[in-house]
Full PDB file with SEQRES, HELIX, SHEET, SSBOND, CRYST1, ORIGX, SCALE, CONECT and MASTER records, all heavy atoms in Angstrom:
SEQRES   1 A   33  TYR ASN MET LEU LYS LYS VAL ASN GLN PRO SER VAL ALA          
SEQRES   2 A   33  THR LEU ASN GLN VAL TYR TYR TYR TRP GLU SER LEU CYS          
SEQRES   3 A   33  ASN GLN PRO THR ARG TYR PRO                                  
HELIX    1 AA1 ASN A    2  LYS A    6  1                                   5    
HELIX    2 AA2 VAL A   12  CYS A   26  1                                  15    
CRYST1    1.000    1.000    1.000  90.00  90.00  90.00 P 1           1          
ORIGX1      1.000000  0.000000  0.000000        0.00000                         
ORIGX2      0.000000  1.000000  0.000000        0.00000                         
ORIGX3      0.000000  0.000000  1.000000        0.00000                         
SCALE1      1.000000  0.000000  0.000000        0.00000                         
SCALE2      0.000000  1.000000  0.000000        0.00000                         
SCALE3      0.000000  0.000000  1.000000        0.00000                         
ATOM      1  N   TYR A   1      12.009   5.641  -0.081  1.00  0.00           N  
ATOM      2  CA  TYR A   1      13.363   5.118  -0.497  1.00  0.00           C  
ATOM      3  C   TYR A   1      13.670   3.853   0.351  1.00  0.00           C  
ATOM      4  O   TYR A   1      14.133   2.912  -0.262  1.00  0.00           O  
ATOM      5  CB  TYR A   1      14.494   6.231  -0.230  1.00  0.00           C  
ATOM      6  CG  TYR A   1      15.885   5.653  -0.417  1.00  0.00           C  
ATOM      7  CD1 TYR A   1      16.373   5.496  -1.619  1.00  0.00           C  
ATOM      8  CD2 TYR A   1      16.613   5.259   0.721  1.00  0.00           C  
ATOM      9  CE1 TYR A   1      17.733   4.956  -1.852  1.00  0.00           C  
ATOM     10  CE2 TYR A   1      17.926   4.723   0.570  1.00  0.00           C  
ATOM     11  CZ  TYR A   1      18.374   4.598  -0.738  1.00  0.00           C  
ATOM     12  OH  TYR A   1      19.641   4.141  -0.925  1.00  0.00           O  
ATOM     13  N   ASN A   2      13.475   3.893   1.605  1.00  0.00           N  
ATOM     14  CA  ASN A   2      13.752   2.779   2.471  1.00  0.00           C  
ATOM     15  C   ASN A   2      12.856   1.544   2.155  1.00  0.00           C  
ATOM     16  O   ASN A   2      13.319   0.464   2.091  1.00  0.00           O  
ATOM     17  CB  ASN A   2      13.598   3.051   4.000  1.00  0.00           C  
ATOM     18  CG  ASN A   2      14.746   4.061   4.423  1.00  0.00           C  
ATOM     19  OD1 ASN A   2      15.823   4.124   3.859  1.00  0.00           O  
ATOM     20  ND2 ASN A   2      14.465   4.774   5.457  1.00  0.00           N  
ATOM     21  N   MET A   3      11.611   1.836   1.987  1.00  0.00           N  
ATOM     22  CA  MET A   3      10.628   0.721   1.605  1.00  0.00           C  
ATOM     23  C   MET A   3      11.032   0.080   0.299  1.00  0.00           C  
ATOM     24  O   MET A   3      11.117  -1.097   0.182  1.00  0.00           O  
ATOM     25  CB  MET A   3       9.251   1.234   1.608  1.00  0.00           C  
ATOM     26  CG  MET A   3       8.214   0.155   1.248  1.00  0.00           C  
ATOM     27  SD  MET A   3       6.672   0.739   0.693  1.00  0.00           S  
ATOM     28  CE  MET A   3       7.100   1.770  -0.616  1.00  0.00           C  
ATOM     29  N   LEU A   4      11.258   0.876  -0.759  1.00  0.00           N  
ATOM     30  CA  LEU A   4      11.567   0.352  -2.099  1.00  0.00           C  
ATOM     31  C   LEU A   4      12.948  -0.500  -2.038  1.00  0.00           C  
ATOM     32  O   LEU A   4      12.996  -1.454  -2.660  1.00  0.00           O  
ATOM     33  CB  LEU A   4      11.728   1.467  -3.113  1.00  0.00           C  
ATOM     34  CG  LEU A   4      10.421   2.113  -3.467  1.00  0.00           C  
ATOM     35  CD1 LEU A   4      10.656   3.351  -4.304  1.00  0.00           C  
ATOM     36  CD2 LEU A   4       9.495   1.131  -4.134  1.00  0.00           C  
ATOM     37  N   LYS A   5      13.867   0.012  -1.230  1.00  0.00           N  
ATOM     38  CA  LYS A   5      15.102  -0.733  -1.002  1.00  0.00           C  
ATOM     39  C   LYS A   5      14.863  -2.123  -0.383  1.00  0.00           C  
ATOM     40  O   LYS A   5      15.342  -3.105  -0.820  1.00  0.00           O  
ATOM     41  CB  LYS A   5      16.086   0.143  -0.123  1.00  0.00           C  
ATOM     42  CG  LYS A   5      17.479  -0.458  -0.049  1.00  0.00           C  
ATOM     43  CD  LYS A   5      18.358   0.465   0.658  1.00  0.00           C  
ATOM     44  CE  LYS A   5      19.668  -0.047   0.915  1.00  0.00           C  
ATOM     45  NZ  LYS A   5      20.541   0.826   1.771  1.00  0.00           N  
ATOM     46  N   LYS A   6      14.037  -2.163   0.681  1.00  0.00           N  
ATOM     47  CA  LYS A   6      13.713  -3.411   1.398  1.00  0.00           C  
ATOM     48  C   LYS A   6      12.999  -4.377   0.544  1.00  0.00           C  
ATOM     49  O   LYS A   6      13.220  -5.602   0.584  1.00  0.00           O  
ATOM     50  CB  LYS A   6      12.843  -3.128   2.629  1.00  0.00           C  
ATOM     51  CG  LYS A   6      13.634  -2.487   3.800  1.00  0.00           C  
ATOM     52  CD  LYS A   6      12.767  -2.231   4.937  1.00  0.00           C  
ATOM     53  CE  LYS A   6      13.490  -1.648   6.104  1.00  0.00           C  
ATOM     54  NZ  LYS A   6      12.545  -1.334   7.219  1.00  0.00           N  
ATOM     55  N   VAL A   7      12.085  -3.898  -0.267  1.00  0.00           N  
ATOM     56  CA  VAL A   7      11.295  -4.813  -1.142  1.00  0.00           C  
ATOM     57  C   VAL A   7      11.953  -5.036  -2.532  1.00  0.00           C  
ATOM     58  O   VAL A   7      11.331  -5.672  -3.424  1.00  0.00           O  
ATOM     59  CB  VAL A   7       9.805  -4.384  -1.336  1.00  0.00           C  
ATOM     60  CG1 VAL A   7       9.118  -4.287   0.008  1.00  0.00           C  
ATOM     61  CG2 VAL A   7       9.724  -3.037  -2.059  1.00  0.00           C  
ATOM     62  N   ASN A   8      13.082  -4.489  -2.691  1.00  0.00           N  
ATOM     63  CA  ASN A   8      13.863  -4.632  -3.891  1.00  0.00           C  
ATOM     64  C   ASN A   8      13.101  -4.251  -5.183  1.00  0.00           C  
ATOM     65  O   ASN A   8      13.099  -5.000  -6.133  1.00  0.00           O  
ATOM     66  CB  ASN A   8      14.402  -6.228  -3.946  1.00  0.00           C  
ATOM     67  CG  ASN A   8      15.520  -6.329  -4.853  1.00  0.00           C  
ATOM     68  OD1 ASN A   8      16.236  -5.396  -5.169  1.00  0.00           O  
ATOM     69  ND2 ASN A   8      15.703  -7.490  -5.460  1.00  0.00           N  
ATOM     70  N   GLN A   9      12.557  -3.073  -5.125  1.00  0.00           N  
ATOM     71  CA  GLN A   9      11.842  -2.543  -6.260  1.00  0.00           C  
ATOM     72  C   GLN A   9      12.492  -1.234  -6.683  1.00  0.00           C  
ATOM     73  O   GLN A   9      12.680  -0.412  -5.713  1.00  0.00           O  
ATOM     74  CB  GLN A   9      10.391  -2.428  -6.080  1.00  0.00           C  
ATOM     75  CG  GLN A   9       9.631  -3.701  -5.735  1.00  0.00           C  
ATOM     76  CD  GLN A   9       9.699  -4.604  -6.947  1.00  0.00           C  
ATOM     77  OE1 GLN A   9       9.613  -4.226  -8.027  1.00  0.00           O  
ATOM     78  NE2 GLN A   9       9.842  -5.875  -6.642  1.00  0.00           N  
ATOM     79  N   PRO A  10      12.714  -0.951  -7.907  1.00  0.00           N  
ATOM     80  CA  PRO A  10      13.426   0.297  -8.281  1.00  0.00           C  
ATOM     81  C   PRO A  10      12.512   1.486  -8.317  1.00  0.00           C  
ATOM     82  O   PRO A  10      13.021   2.645  -8.158  1.00  0.00           O  
ATOM     83  CB  PRO A  10      13.886   0.018  -9.806  1.00  0.00           C  
ATOM     84  CG  PRO A  10      12.918  -1.018 -10.268  1.00  0.00           C  
ATOM     85  CD  PRO A  10      12.494  -1.848  -9.077  1.00  0.00           C  
ATOM     86  N   SER A  11      11.199   1.330  -8.336  1.00  0.00           N  
ATOM     87  CA  SER A  11      10.344   2.505  -8.350  1.00  0.00           C  
ATOM     88  C   SER A  11       8.968   2.148  -7.835  1.00  0.00           C  
ATOM     89  O   SER A  11       8.607   0.959  -7.732  1.00  0.00           O  
ATOM     90  CB  SER A  11      10.268   3.070  -9.767  1.00  0.00           C  
ATOM     91  OG  SER A  11       9.531   2.153 -10.627  1.00  0.00           O  
ATOM     92  N   VAL A  12       8.084   3.189  -7.603  1.00  0.00           N  
ATOM     93  CA  VAL A  12       6.703   2.962  -7.183  1.00  0.00           C  
ATOM     94  C   VAL A  12       5.925   2.382  -8.323  1.00  0.00           C  
ATOM     95  O   VAL A  12       5.089   1.530  -8.120  1.00  0.00           O  
ATOM     96  CB  VAL A  12       6.104   4.399  -6.806  1.00  0.00           C  
ATOM     97  CG1 VAL A  12       4.643   4.253  -6.632  1.00  0.00           C  
ATOM     98  CG2 VAL A  12       6.762   4.749  -5.524  1.00  0.00           C  
ATOM     99  N   ALA A  13       6.308   2.701  -9.552  1.00  0.00           N  
ATOM    100  CA  ALA A  13       5.632   2.171 -10.742  1.00  0.00           C  
ATOM    101  C   ALA A  13       5.817   0.605 -10.847  1.00  0.00           C  
ATOM    102  O   ALA A  13       4.840  -0.052 -11.105  1.00  0.00           O  
ATOM    103  CB  ALA A  13       6.044   2.790 -12.048  1.00  0.00           C  
ATOM    104  N   THR A  14       7.026   0.173 -10.608  1.00  0.00           N  
ATOM    105  CA  THR A  14       7.240  -1.252 -10.690  1.00  0.00           C  
ATOM    106  C   THR A  14       6.585  -1.952  -9.422  1.00  0.00           C  
ATOM    107  O   THR A  14       6.058  -3.050  -9.614  1.00  0.00           O  
ATOM    108  CB  THR A  14       8.741  -1.601 -10.731  1.00  0.00           C  
ATOM    109  OG1 THR A  14       9.390  -1.091  -9.582  1.00  0.00           O  
ATOM    110  CG2 THR A  14       9.305  -1.183 -11.978  1.00  0.00           C  
ATOM    111  N   LEU A  15       6.507  -1.305  -8.349  1.00  0.00           N  
ATOM    112  CA  LEU A  15       5.887  -1.809  -7.146  1.00  0.00           C  
ATOM    113  C   LEU A  15       4.387  -2.003  -7.380  1.00  0.00           C  
ATOM    114  O   LEU A  15       3.754  -3.016  -7.092  1.00  0.00           O  
ATOM    115  CB  LEU A  15       6.141  -0.922  -5.936  1.00  0.00           C  
ATOM    116  CG  LEU A  15       5.435  -1.359  -4.657  1.00  0.00           C  
ATOM    117  CD1 LEU A  15       5.978  -2.772  -4.149  1.00  0.00           C  
ATOM    118  CD2 LEU A  15       5.647  -0.379  -3.512  1.00  0.00           C  
ATOM    119  N   ASN A  16       3.746  -0.998  -8.095  1.00  0.00           N  
ATOM    120  CA  ASN A  16       2.436  -1.082  -8.512  1.00  0.00           C  
ATOM    121  C   ASN A  16       2.173  -2.150  -9.495  1.00  0.00           C  
ATOM    122  O   ASN A  16       1.182  -2.900  -9.451  1.00  0.00           O  
ATOM    123  CB  ASN A  16       1.868   0.195  -9.021  1.00  0.00           C  
ATOM    124  CG  ASN A  16       1.368   1.085  -8.018  1.00  0.00           C  
ATOM    125  OD1 ASN A  16       0.777   0.770  -7.106  1.00  0.00           O  
ATOM    126  ND2 ASN A  16       1.675   2.459  -8.121  1.00  0.00           N  
ATOM    127  N   GLN A  17       3.108  -2.470 -10.390  1.00  0.00           N  
ATOM    128  CA  GLN A  17       3.025  -3.574 -11.370  1.00  0.00           C  
ATOM    129  C   GLN A  17       2.991  -4.856 -10.591  1.00  0.00           C  
ATOM    130  O   GLN A  17       2.269  -5.770 -10.925  1.00  0.00           O  
ATOM    131  CB  GLN A  17       4.118  -3.425 -12.360  1.00  0.00           C  
ATOM    132  CG  GLN A  17       4.107  -4.450 -13.432  1.00  0.00           C  
ATOM    133  CD  GLN A  17       5.289  -4.372 -14.391  1.00  0.00           C  
ATOM    134  OE1 GLN A  17       6.289  -3.845 -14.069  1.00  0.00           O  
ATOM    135  NE2 GLN A  17       5.061  -4.936 -15.593  1.00  0.00           N  
ATOM    136  N   VAL A  18       3.938  -5.002  -9.704  1.00  0.00           N  
ATOM    137  CA  VAL A  18       4.048  -6.299  -8.912  1.00  0.00           C  
ATOM    138  C   VAL A  18       2.826  -6.474  -8.176  1.00  0.00           C  
ATOM    139  O   VAL A  18       2.285  -7.620  -8.067  1.00  0.00           O  
ATOM    140  CB  VAL A  18       5.291  -6.241  -8.012  1.00  0.00           C  
ATOM    141  CG1 VAL A  18       5.244  -7.413  -6.967  1.00  0.00           C  
ATOM    142  CG2 VAL A  18       6.587  -6.305  -8.820  1.00  0.00           C  
ATOM    143  N   TYR A  19       2.205  -5.461  -7.586  1.00  0.00           N  
ATOM    144  CA  TYR A  19       0.954  -5.521  -6.746  1.00  0.00           C  
ATOM    145  C   TYR A  19      -0.191  -5.980  -7.731  1.00  0.00           C  
ATOM    146  O   TYR A  19      -0.995  -6.786  -7.342  1.00  0.00           O  
ATOM    147  CB  TYR A  19       0.611  -4.195  -6.184  1.00  0.00           C  
ATOM    148  CG  TYR A  19      -0.656  -4.301  -5.333  1.00  0.00           C  
ATOM    149  CD1 TYR A  19      -0.651  -5.082  -4.127  1.00  0.00           C  
ATOM    150  CD2 TYR A  19      -1.839  -3.773  -5.700  1.00  0.00           C  
ATOM    151  CE1 TYR A  19      -1.825  -5.173  -3.404  1.00  0.00           C  
ATOM    152  CE2 TYR A  19      -3.048  -3.863  -5.035  1.00  0.00           C  
ATOM    153  CZ  TYR A  19      -3.027  -4.603  -3.908  1.00  0.00           C  
ATOM    154  OH  TYR A  19      -4.210  -4.705  -3.130  1.00  0.00           O  
ATOM    155  N   TYR A  20      -0.197  -5.456  -8.875  1.00  0.00           N  
ATOM    156  CA  TYR A  20      -1.234  -5.851  -9.941  1.00  0.00           C  
ATOM    157  C   TYR A  20      -1.162  -7.355 -10.250  1.00  0.00           C  
ATOM    158  O   TYR A  20      -2.080  -8.116 -10.277  1.00  0.00           O  
ATOM    159  CB  TYR A  20      -1.088  -5.086 -11.172  1.00  0.00           C  
ATOM    160  CG  TYR A  20      -1.854  -5.531 -12.336  1.00  0.00           C  
ATOM    161  CD1 TYR A  20      -3.295  -5.372 -12.424  1.00  0.00           C  
ATOM    162  CD2 TYR A  20      -1.353  -6.357 -13.384  1.00  0.00           C  
ATOM    163  CE1 TYR A  20      -4.082  -5.840 -13.409  1.00  0.00           C  
ATOM    164  CE2 TYR A  20      -2.073  -6.843 -14.403  1.00  0.00           C  
ATOM    165  CZ  TYR A  20      -3.411  -6.627 -14.414  1.00  0.00           C  
ATOM    166  OH  TYR A  20      -4.226  -7.131 -15.514  1.00  0.00           O  
ATOM    167  N   TYR A  21       0.101  -7.824 -10.421  1.00  0.00           N  
ATOM    168  CA  TYR A  21       0.293  -9.247 -10.737  1.00  0.00           C  
ATOM    169  C   TYR A  21      -0.097 -10.057  -9.522  1.00  0.00           C  
ATOM    170  O   TYR A  21      -0.690 -11.178  -9.625  1.00  0.00           O  
ATOM    171  CB  TYR A  21       1.854  -9.555 -11.006  1.00  0.00           C  
ATOM    172  CG  TYR A  21       2.066  -9.086 -12.445  1.00  0.00           C  
ATOM    173  CD1 TYR A  21       3.271  -8.314 -12.637  1.00  0.00           C  
ATOM    174  CD2 TYR A  21       1.463  -9.578 -13.532  1.00  0.00           C  
ATOM    175  CE1 TYR A  21       3.683  -7.994 -13.933  1.00  0.00           C  
ATOM    176  CE2 TYR A  21       1.883  -9.235 -14.845  1.00  0.00           C  
ATOM    177  CZ  TYR A  21       2.946  -8.428 -14.976  1.00  0.00           C  
ATOM    178  OH  TYR A  21       3.376  -8.070 -16.299  1.00  0.00           O  
ATOM    179  N   TRP A  22       0.268  -9.591  -8.295  1.00  0.00           N  
ATOM    180  CA  TRP A  22      -0.066 -10.317  -7.078  1.00  0.00           C  
ATOM    181  C   TRP A  22      -1.626 -10.435  -6.917  1.00  0.00           C  
ATOM    182  O   TRP A  22      -2.085 -11.500  -6.508  1.00  0.00           O  
ATOM    183  CB  TRP A  22       0.496  -9.540  -5.918  1.00  0.00           C  
ATOM    184  CG  TRP A  22       0.162 -10.102  -4.565  1.00  0.00           C  
ATOM    185  CD1 TRP A  22      -0.655  -9.531  -3.565  1.00  0.00           C  
ATOM    186  CD2 TRP A  22       0.553 -11.394  -3.942  1.00  0.00           C  
ATOM    187  NE1 TRP A  22      -0.791 -10.362  -2.543  1.00  0.00           N  
ATOM    188  CE2 TRP A  22      -0.020 -11.504  -2.778  1.00  0.00           C  
ATOM    189  CE3 TRP A  22       1.442 -12.349  -4.498  1.00  0.00           C  
ATOM    190  CZ2 TRP A  22       0.189 -12.630  -1.974  1.00  0.00           C  
ATOM    191  CZ3 TRP A  22       1.599 -13.516  -3.636  1.00  0.00           C  
ATOM    192  CH2 TRP A  22       1.069 -13.641  -2.409  1.00  0.00           C  
ATOM    193  N   GLU A  23      -2.281  -9.315  -7.120  1.00  0.00           N  
ATOM    194  CA  GLU A  23      -3.794  -9.385  -6.974  1.00  0.00           C  
ATOM    195  C   GLU A  23      -4.369 -10.322  -8.053  1.00  0.00           C  
ATOM    196  O   GLU A  23      -5.318 -11.041  -7.738  1.00  0.00           O  
ATOM    197  CB  GLU A  23      -4.322  -7.984  -7.153  1.00  0.00           C  
ATOM    198  CG  GLU A  23      -4.093  -7.105  -6.004  1.00  0.00           C  
ATOM    199  CD  GLU A  23      -5.018  -7.582  -4.801  1.00  0.00           C  
ATOM    200  OE1 GLU A  23      -6.231  -7.696  -4.906  1.00  0.00           O  
ATOM    201  OE2 GLU A  23      -4.412  -7.794  -3.774  1.00  0.00           O  
ATOM    202  N   SER A  24      -3.834 -10.315  -9.205  1.00  0.00           N  
ATOM    203  CA  SER A  24      -4.378 -11.187 -10.267  1.00  0.00           C  
ATOM    204  C   SER A  24      -4.178 -12.700  -9.871  1.00  0.00           C  
ATOM    205  O   SER A  24      -4.981 -13.495  -9.962  1.00  0.00           O  
ATOM    206  CB  SER A  24      -3.621 -10.925 -11.593  1.00  0.00           C  
ATOM    207  OG  SER A  24      -3.900  -9.647 -12.064  1.00  0.00           O  
ATOM    208  N   LEU A  25      -3.003 -12.916  -9.318  1.00  0.00           N  
ATOM    209  CA  LEU A  25      -2.622 -14.263  -8.883  1.00  0.00           C  
ATOM    210  C   LEU A  25      -3.583 -14.777  -7.704  1.00  0.00           C  
ATOM    211  O   LEU A  25      -4.089 -15.862  -7.722  1.00  0.00           O  
ATOM    212  CB  LEU A  25      -1.155 -14.253  -8.470  1.00  0.00           C  
ATOM    213  CG  LEU A  25      -0.620 -15.733  -7.955  1.00  0.00           C  
ATOM    214  CD1 LEU A  25      -0.568 -16.674  -9.102  1.00  0.00           C  
ATOM    215  CD2 LEU A  25       0.799 -15.431  -7.399  1.00  0.00           C  
ATOM    216  N   CYS A  26      -3.812 -13.854  -6.781  1.00  0.00           N  
ATOM    217  CA  CYS A  26      -4.523 -14.245  -5.608  1.00  0.00           C  
ATOM    218  C   CYS A  26      -6.047 -14.272  -5.906  1.00  0.00           C  
ATOM    219  O   CYS A  26      -6.755 -14.992  -5.144  1.00  0.00           O  
ATOM    220  CB  CYS A  26      -4.292 -13.229  -4.447  1.00  0.00           C  
ATOM    221  SG  CYS A  26      -2.684 -13.405  -3.763  1.00  0.00           S  
ATOM    222  N   ASN A  27      -6.424 -13.565  -6.875  1.00  0.00           N  
ATOM    223  CA  ASN A  27      -7.951 -13.508  -7.097  1.00  0.00           C  
ATOM    224  C   ASN A  27      -8.461 -14.493  -8.211  1.00  0.00           C  
ATOM    225  O   ASN A  27      -9.492 -14.405  -8.719  1.00  0.00           O  
ATOM    226  CB  ASN A  27      -8.302 -12.106  -7.517  1.00  0.00           C  
ATOM    227  CG  ASN A  27      -8.238 -11.125  -6.339  1.00  0.00           C  
ATOM    228  OD1 ASN A  27      -8.507 -11.539  -5.252  1.00  0.00           O  
ATOM    229  ND2 ASN A  27      -7.907  -9.938  -6.598  1.00  0.00           N  
ATOM    230  N   GLN A  28      -7.602 -15.434  -8.588  1.00  0.00           N  
ATOM    231  CA  GLN A  28      -7.978 -16.387  -9.563  1.00  0.00           C  
ATOM    232  C   GLN A  28      -7.773 -17.866  -9.039  1.00  0.00           C  
ATOM    233  O   GLN A  28      -7.041 -18.585  -9.608  1.00  0.00           O  
ATOM    234  CB  GLN A  28      -7.128 -16.183 -10.819  1.00  0.00           C  
ATOM    235  CG  GLN A  28      -7.494 -14.882 -11.477  1.00  0.00           C  
ATOM    236  CD  GLN A  28      -6.742 -14.770 -12.782  1.00  0.00           C  
ATOM    237  OE1 GLN A  28      -6.362 -15.713 -13.469  1.00  0.00           O  
ATOM    238  NE2 GLN A  28      -6.559 -13.495 -13.201  1.00  0.00           N  
ATOM    239  N   PRO A  29      -8.499 -18.238  -7.935  1.00  0.00           N  
ATOM    240  CA  PRO A  29      -8.328 -19.509  -7.396  1.00  0.00           C  
ATOM    241  C   PRO A  29      -8.744 -20.695  -8.318  1.00  0.00           C  
ATOM    242  O   PRO A  29      -8.346 -21.845  -8.141  1.00  0.00           O  
ATOM    243  CB  PRO A  29      -9.271 -19.547  -6.165  1.00  0.00           C  
ATOM    244  CG  PRO A  29     -10.187 -18.396  -6.435  1.00  0.00           C  
ATOM    245  CD  PRO A  29      -9.521 -17.436  -7.266  1.00  0.00           C  
ATOM    246  N   THR A  30      -9.571 -20.295  -9.374  1.00  0.00           N  
ATOM    247  CA  THR A  30     -10.060 -21.475 -10.224  1.00  0.00           C  
ATOM    248  C   THR A  30      -8.959 -21.817 -11.235  1.00  0.00           C  
ATOM    249  O   THR A  30      -8.785 -22.964 -11.682  1.00  0.00           O  
ATOM    250  CB  THR A  30     -11.253 -21.029 -10.991  1.00  0.00           C  
ATOM    251  OG1 THR A  30     -11.066 -19.870 -11.715  1.00  0.00           O  
ATOM    252  CG2 THR A  30     -12.457 -20.847 -10.057  1.00  0.00           C  
ATOM    253  N   ARG A  31      -8.041 -20.824 -11.519  1.00  0.00           N  
ATOM    254  CA  ARG A  31      -7.007 -21.112 -12.469  1.00  0.00           C  
ATOM    255  C   ARG A  31      -5.728 -21.626 -11.819  1.00  0.00           C  
ATOM    256  O   ARG A  31      -5.035 -22.432 -12.343  1.00  0.00           O  
ATOM    257  CB  ARG A  31      -6.655 -19.783 -13.287  1.00  0.00           C  
ATOM    258  CG  ARG A  31      -7.824 -19.427 -14.222  1.00  0.00           C  
ATOM    259  CD  ARG A  31      -7.526 -18.215 -14.929  1.00  0.00           C  
ATOM    260  NE  ARG A  31      -6.285 -18.421 -15.850  1.00  0.00           N  
ATOM    261  CZ  ARG A  31      -5.763 -17.430 -16.386  1.00  0.00           C  
ATOM    262  NH1 ARG A  31      -6.164 -16.228 -16.233  1.00  0.00           N  
ATOM    263  NH2 ARG A  31      -4.734 -17.673 -17.134  1.00  0.00           N  
ATOM    264  N   TYR A  32      -5.459 -21.121 -10.611  1.00  0.00           N  
ATOM    265  CA  TYR A  32      -4.260 -21.386  -9.891  1.00  0.00           C  
ATOM    266  C   TYR A  32      -4.664 -21.923  -8.502  1.00  0.00           C  
ATOM    267  O   TYR A  32      -5.332 -21.227  -7.838  1.00  0.00           O  
ATOM    268  CB  TYR A  32      -3.274 -20.216  -9.705  1.00  0.00           C  
ATOM    269  CG  TYR A  32      -3.057 -19.521 -11.146  1.00  0.00           C  
ATOM    270  CD1 TYR A  32      -3.297 -18.186 -11.173  1.00  0.00           C  
ATOM    271  CD2 TYR A  32      -2.667 -20.202 -12.224  1.00  0.00           C  
ATOM    272  CE1 TYR A  32      -3.100 -17.507 -12.401  1.00  0.00           C  
ATOM    273  CE2 TYR A  32      -2.506 -19.634 -13.408  1.00  0.00           C  
ATOM    274  CZ  TYR A  32      -2.667 -18.179 -13.492  1.00  0.00           C  
ATOM    275  OH  TYR A  32      -2.456 -17.570 -14.656  1.00  0.00           O  
ATOM    276  N   PRO A  33      -4.245 -23.071  -8.111  1.00  0.00           N  
ATOM    277  CA  PRO A  33      -4.700 -23.647  -6.857  1.00  0.00           C  
ATOM    278  C   PRO A  33      -4.115 -23.070  -5.670  1.00  0.00           C  
ATOM    279  O   PRO A  33      -3.350 -23.651  -4.902  1.00  0.00           O  
ATOM    280  CB  PRO A  33      -4.245 -25.162  -6.984  1.00  0.00           C  
ATOM    281  CG  PRO A  33      -3.014 -25.138  -7.811  1.00  0.00           C  
ATOM    282  CD  PRO A  33      -3.285 -23.908  -8.769  1.00  0.00           C  
TER     283      PRO A  33                                                      
MASTER        0    0    0    2    0    0    0    6  282    1    0    3          
END                                                                             
């Protein structure tokens, strides 16, 4: 509860979705500088 409140995410599922987007963003250096 405290962690989700601090990171402003409503649920673990949305936190996982944000992490998925984050990993995609960080692992594509050829597409995004």
